[in-house]
Amino acid sequence: MTRIALDFETHYTGEYSVKKLGHALYARDPRFRCTMAAAWSPSMKVSTTPDRFPWDALDGAEIVAHNAAFDRAVFRRLQSDGIVPACIKPKIWLDSAAACAYFGLPRDLAGAVKALFGATVDKSVRDRMAGYQADLFDDTAAYAIIDAEWSWRLWERLGHKWPEAERRIHALTDEMGDRGVCLDETRAKAAIASLDASIAGLEASIHFRPIASAKALKKACEAAGEPVPPGTAAADPKVETWCRENQKANSPLWVRQVQGWRKANRTREVVRSMLDRVDPATGRMQYQLKYFGAAQTGRWSGDGGLNMQNLSRQAGESGVDLRGLIVPAPGHAFIIADYAQVEARVLLWLAGDYDFLDLLRGGMDLYEAAARKMLGYSDPRPIKAINPGLRQLAKGMTLGLGFGMGAGKFVSAAKILAGLDLDFDDCKRHVETYRRTNPLVVALWNRLGDAFEKRHGKPHYVLKLPSGRAIHYWEPSCDGDMSCATEKGGTRYAVHPGLLAENYTQATARDLLADAWLRCADAGIRIVLSVHDELVAECPAADAPAVKAEMERIMRTPPAWPMAERIPLDVEARVAPRYGK
């Protein structure tokens, strides 16, 4: 089979870029201009303008590209423009960037080449290519052929080591984004109108400018004789505490207004971005998920200017529910299937706490089991009916303290995770209780920390996962604090045993989802969206009950890993007319 590396160079600007628009919208844009096409293999070396490129050579070939989804989008645009003959059909697209990410190497070409081969790729030509310049033709041609060659060599080194299952997951991820989802465009346009009105109202009520300026807010507070807030970030616990303590002053209202103004603007931009991404040819909104976007866990992340992993879960500014804008195709339904409390269950499984897991297997609520274990609940009746407050405390402890969190951080985590208002002394006591009653979890932290320390000064620490893949920690160091790089040659970060356990747990949960996704694909179930521990399928409405039942069966069935049958997996699934919780 012929294997050829392909690299396209295109015209771009600050406003018109792949990072901002995503590859599909970028390639559809009227401003699109492909300036160079380069191909490299041991028997082929060509770099020229698209109209002079020998496209016949790609027919039936395996095409290697670094970030293949982009090059495939460019190829399709050139084909729709008649530059690439319609009969040219590559056999498969292979992504050297995704392979690099899987092995803990930098995703960018220059970083990957440096990490794997110790060579330097000159990117200065690329920096000068933001706007097309004819006098850069020779430099661009040379640059493109070098990139193509390195893509080929990266794939030659890594491609055969990249597990077939992971290659399939990567392909399914790209196919899912290319297919896209339907958008309720009427509701989306109404949302923009509502947000426009909200923003205008907020701007009329906030008398200082610029609205987003902390300096302007401070000046306004001082002029009004009101206390100055520590900031306006909605996620900052100090700001929230300050607002509660100053409820009767004017300043908290300004803080809330600034927060609302920012949120409304952000939401409006997201809705506009969603509308822009609707493909006129299919009527579906195309999007991107980044395979292995989180280096230490392998989980997906948002990409291409629209983060589908971070859409609001409920109605927010002006009643806008971003998730609810996503709908099935006419005559179809969504099946939304979510692993319930999967990280808490996986952590206990990795720690070997099978007695606790057996309670869940018998049907007991996770947080009731935790309350019985940690907080002395002994009533034979369900805790939800008898002592829901104690259940919430058990929930907060279970979700917040499994990865070594201290009392200081648990004050805010308990509020976020379980709606609990706890002081520091309460949190300190609950942290001590968790660690005393979960010795197997604490032992897991210690084992992982000890294994990391043994690799101090070594180039690499490889943490094997139950699925067979690994987490890569580069240049682990225990000089003072523990630290490492998450990709070879990359930025160093502080770690601790609890964080290692969190990575271990989240990576295993990710692999559970990936395994279930593959089995869904084998069963003919079309997944159109995946968010965290959730799979969303689209099917004809008449088939929805059967598809829901099959998804539940697949996701509850453990993968073929050692001891995986001891994980009591639980799935919450429902048929829905639009996306949401």
Foldseek 3Di string as FASTA:
>chain_A
DAEKEKFWDWAAAPVQDQQAQPQQLSLVDPRTDTAWMFIDDPVDTDIGGLLPDPLQVQAQYEYFYAPQLNVVSNVVSCCVVVSRPPNRDYPYYHHLLLLCLQVQFHSDLQRNCCQPPVDGQDCVLVVVRNHPDPVCRVVVRVSRRVNRVSRVVSCVVGVVVPDPLLRVLVVLQSVLLVLAFAFLVVVLVVLLVLLVVLLVVLVVVDDWPPLQDLVRLQVVCVVVVHDRAPHQDPPDVSRVVVCVVPVPDCSSVSSVSSVLNVVSVVVSVQSVSQVSQQDPVNNHRGAHWAQSPPSLQRDIFGGRNHTPQDFDQFQDRSGDRPQQRTFHDPQKWKKKKFWPPQLLLLLCVVLPVLVLLVVVVVPADNLQSQCVQQVVDDDPDHCVVPPVPSSLVSQLCSVPQLLPDALVVSCVSSCVRRVDHDDSVVSNVSNVSSCVRCVSSVVQLVVQQVQLAVCAQPQWDWAAALVGRTQIFGNWHPPPFTWTARHRPDDIDTDGSSRNSVSNSLNNLSVLQSQLVVVCVVVVWRFNDDHRRMTMTMDRPVCVVVSNVVSQVSSQDFDPTVPRVSRRIGMDIDIGRTGHD
